[in-house]
Amino acid sequence: MARYLSLVVSLLMLWATPAAAVPAQAIPAQAIPLVSDGDDTPGVLDVDTLLAARAAPGEILVIEVATFRDWTNRLLHYSKPNKMIVLFNVDSDAKAEYKGVVSSGGGKLYITVSGSGSNFESLRVRRPDARTMKATLPEFDANPNGPVSIAVKTLYRTKSGACSNGCRDRAPDAGYLSA
């Protein structure tokens, strides 16, 4: 619930700025989509919650992924096998048209979205705490006049132990979360 309230506050702050086109009251707090995923995968990238919201098609899209355990930006360094990928479905089929790869470089975390012949600028990702990443995609226009649905996939590998062959998770387990 604290993560849900954190996203609500973030969205209110974003929409309260003069640059925002839609006032905060346009999205009631109860309308912010949330998926809770069980503690079902070994390793630190086991997804706890996925939140995604935007005021209207083509407006700011905020995505928050929380895991059950703490992790550092280094874990998602582009040279390592660990992955966090946000899937964007813009045409209501079963296939994601865009993928946002969350990776680190220079100690900072970024999301780089690409797909359908387009590459978007890499954007900084915030870390509200040691187990959460929050990405804000301004004017996400992959589907400017329609819905965007989101899912997240993670892969965590270790040299030995339970995740030596890779521990994978997805939230939601099937389908997508509508933003």
Protein backbone atom coordinates (compact mmCIF):
# COMPACT_ATOMS: atom_id res chain seq x y z
CA MET A 1 0.00 0.00 0.00
CA ALA A 2 2.90 2.37 0.73
CA ARG A 3 4.19 1.93 -2.84
CA TYR A 4 0.71 2.65 -4.18
CA LEU A 5 0.54 5.87 -2.16
CA SER A 6 4.08 6.77 -3.27
CA LEU A 7 3.01 6.56 -6.92
CA VAL A 8 -0.12 8.61 -6.23
CA VAL A 9 2.00 11.35 -4.63
CA SER A 10 4.50 11.23 -7.53
CA LEU A 11 1.73 11.58 -10.08
CA LEU A 12 0.16 14.45 -8.18
CA MET A 13 3.50 16.28 -8.08
CA LEU A 14 4.06 15.70 -11.80
CA TRP A 15 0.63 16.91 -12.79
CA ALA A 16 0.73 19.90 -10.45
CA THR A 17 3.63 21.45 -12.35
CA PRO A 18 2.83 24.15 -14.94
CA ALA A 19 4.26 21.99 -17.74
CA ALA A 20 1.71 19.26 -17.12
CA ALA A 21 -1.29 19.36 -19.41
CA VAL A 22 -3.69 17.43 -17.18
CA PRO A 23 -4.59 18.43 -13.61
CA ALA A 24 -4.03 15.97 -10.78
CA GLN A 25 -7.74 15.49 -10.19
CA ALA A 26 -8.03 13.88 -13.65
CA ILE A 27 -6.87 10.54 -12.18
CA PRO A 28 -8.57 9.46 -8.99
CA ALA A 29 -6.22 7.50 -6.71
CA GLN A 30 -8.36 4.35 -6.93
CA ALA A 31 -7.87 4.27 -10.72
CA ILE A 32 -4.08 3.75 -10.64
CA PRO A 33 -3.41 0.23 -11.95
CA LEU A 34 -1.51 -2.10 -9.62
CA VAL A 35 -0.44 -5.73 -9.93
CA SER A 36 0.85 -7.65 -6.92
CA ASP A 37 2.99 -10.66 -7.75
CA GLY A 38 3.65 -13.34 -5.16
CA ASP A 39 7.06 -14.07 -3.63
CA ASP A 40 7.41 -16.86 -6.18
CA THR A 41 10.94 -16.66 -7.60
CA PRO A 42 14.30 -17.05 -5.87
CA GLY A 43 16.75 -14.18 -6.24
CA VAL A 44 16.68 -10.44 -5.72
CA LEU A 45 14.72 -9.53 -8.87
CA ASP A 46 11.51 -11.31 -7.79
CA VAL A 47 8.79 -8.75 -8.60
CA ASP A 48 6.54 -7.69 -5.71
CA THR A 49 4.42 -4.98 -7.38
CA LEU A 50 4.03 -3.29 -10.74
CA LEU A 51 2.29 0.08 -10.98
CA ALA A 52 1.62 1.99 -14.19
CA ALA A 53 -0.43 5.12 -14.78
CA ARG A 54 -0.97 8.05 -17.09
CA ALA A 55 -3.61 10.77 -17.12
CA ALA A 56 -4.61 10.30 -20.76
CA PRO A 57 -3.29 8.76 -23.98
CA GLY A 58 -0.06 10.48 -24.98
CA GLU A 59 0.50 11.96 -21.50
CA ILE A 60 3.21 11.23 -18.92
CA LEU A 61 3.52 7.51 -18.19
CA VAL A 62 4.83 6.52 -14.76
CA ILE A 63 5.99 2.95 -14.13
CA GLU A 64 7.11 1.60 -10.77
CA VAL A 65 8.54 -1.87 -10.19
CA ALA A 66 9.22 -3.09 -6.65
CA THR A 67 10.98 -6.33 -5.78
CA PHE A 68 10.84 -8.38 -2.59
CA ARG A 69 14.55 -7.90 -1.87
CA ASP A 70 17.08 -5.06 -2.04
CA TRP A 71 19.35 -4.67 -5.07
CA THR A 72 21.88 -2.15 -6.34
CA ASN A 73 22.13 -0.38 -9.69
CA ARG A 74 25.28 -2.43 -10.41
CA LEU A 75 23.13 -5.56 -10.57
CA LEU A 76 21.61 -4.29 -13.85
CA HIS A 77 24.87 -3.11 -15.41
CA TYR A 78 24.61 -3.51 -19.18
CA SER A 79 27.54 -5.99 -19.19
CA LYS A 80 25.90 -8.39 -16.69
CA PRO A 81 23.38 -11.15 -17.44
CA ASN A 82 20.73 -9.74 -15.06
CA LYS A 83 17.79 -8.04 -16.75
CA MET A 84 14.71 -5.98 -16.03
CA ILE A 85 12.59 -5.38 -19.12
CA VAL A 86 9.35 -3.42 -19.28
CA LEU A 87 7.05 -4.68 -22.04
CA PHE A 88 4.69 -2.23 -23.78
CA ASN A 89 1.66 -3.58 -25.64
CA VAL A 90 -0.09 -0.87 -27.65
CA ASP A 91 -2.53 -2.83 -29.81
CA SER A 92 -4.25 -5.18 -27.34
CA ASP A 93 -2.79 -8.38 -28.76
CA ALA A 94 -0.56 -10.81 -26.85
CA LYS A 95 2.74 -9.42 -28.16
CA ALA A 96 4.70 -6.43 -26.86
CA GLU A 97 5.50 -3.90 -29.58
CA TYR A 98 8.05 -2.01 -27.44
CA LYS A 99 10.57 -3.04 -24.79
CA GLY A 100 12.14 -0.83 -22.16
CA VAL A 101 15.46 -2.23 -20.97
CA VAL A 102 16.42 -1.02 -17.50
CA SER A 103 20.21 -0.97 -17.16
CA SER A 104 22.96 0.88 -15.38
CA GLY A 105 26.07 2.66 -16.51
CA GLY A 106 28.25 5.04 -14.57
CA GLY A 107 26.41 4.10 -11.38
CA LYS A 108 23.11 5.49 -12.69
CA LEU A 109 20.01 3.60 -13.79
CA TYR A 110 18.33 4.21 -17.16
CA ILE A 111 15.44 2.87 -19.23
CA THR A 112 15.85 2.65 -22.99
CA VAL A 113 12.65 1.99 -24.96
CA SER A 114 12.72 0.62 -28.48
CA GLY A 115 10.53 -1.34 -30.86
CA SER A 116 8.44 -1.12 -34.02
CA GLY A 117 11.39 0.52 -35.80
CA SER A 118 11.76 3.29 -33.20
CA ASN A 119 14.36 4.02 -30.53
CA PHE A 120 13.50 6.50 -27.80
CA GLU A 121 15.99 8.53 -25.79
CA SER A 122 17.35 6.80 -22.67
CA LEU A 123 15.81 8.27 -19.54
CA ARG A 124 17.07 8.25 -15.95
CA VAL A 125 15.27 5.95 -13.56
CA ARG A 126 14.76 6.96 -9.94
CA ARG A 127 15.26 4.65 -6.96
CA PRO A 128 12.87 5.64 -4.14
CA ASP A 129 14.35 2.82 -2.05
CA ALA A 130 16.69 -0.18 -2.38
CA ARG A 131 14.08 -2.44 -3.96
CA THR A 132 12.15 -0.07 -6.22
CA MET A 133 12.71 1.55 -9.60
CA LYS A 134 10.47 4.32 -10.89
CA ALA A 135 10.55 5.44 -14.53
CA THR A 136 8.76 8.52 -15.82
CA LEU A 137 8.26 8.57 -19.59
CA PRO A 138 7.10 12.05 -20.66
CA GLU A 139 4.57 12.12 -23.46
CA PHE A 140 4.84 8.39 -24.16
CA ASP A 141 3.43 8.44 -27.68
CA ALA A 142 3.89 4.90 -28.94
CA ASN A 143 0.10 4.79 -29.12
CA PRO A 144 -0.93 8.46 -28.82
CA ASN A 145 -4.66 7.88 -29.22
CA GLY A 146 -5.08 4.60 -27.42
CA PRO A 147 -4.25 2.46 -24.44
CA VAL A 148 -0.85 1.18 -23.37
CA SER A 149 -0.56 -2.04 -21.42
CA ILE A 150 2.52 -2.91 -19.37
CA ALA A 151 4.27 -6.01 -18.04
CA VAL A 152 7.73 -6.48 -16.56
CA LYS A 153 10.12 -9.42 -16.93
CA THR A 154 13.22 -10.00 -14.83
CA LEU A 155 16.16 -12.37 -15.07
CA TYR A 156 18.62 -12.89 -12.24
CA ARG A 157 21.69 -15.13 -12.51
CA THR A 158 24.31 -16.17 -9.99
CA LYS A 159 27.48 -18.22 -10.40
CA SER A 160 26.13 -20.94 -8.11
CA GLY A 161 23.02 -21.82 -6.14
CA ALA A 162 19.32 -21.58 -6.95
CA CYS A 163 19.76 -18.96 -9.69
CA SER A 164 22.81 -20.39 -11.47
CA ASN A 165 20.58 -21.25 -14.45
CA GLY A 166 18.66 -17.98 -14.16
CA CYS A 167 15.68 -17.08 -12.03
CA ARG A 168 12.91 -15.52 -14.11
CA ASP A 169 9.84 -13.59 -13.07
CA ARG A 170 7.03 -11.73 -14.86
CA ALA A 171 4.33 -9.43 -13.56
CA PRO A 172 1.60 -9.94 -14.27
CA ASP A 173 2.28 -13.65 -14.71
CA ALA A 174 0.25 -13.54 -17.94
CA GLY A 175 -1.25 -10.70 -19.93
CA TYR A 176 -0.67 -6.99 -19.26
CA LEU A 177 -1.57 -4.20 -16.85
CA SER A 178 -3.53 -1.40 -18.53
CA ALA A 179 -2.15 2.08 -17.88
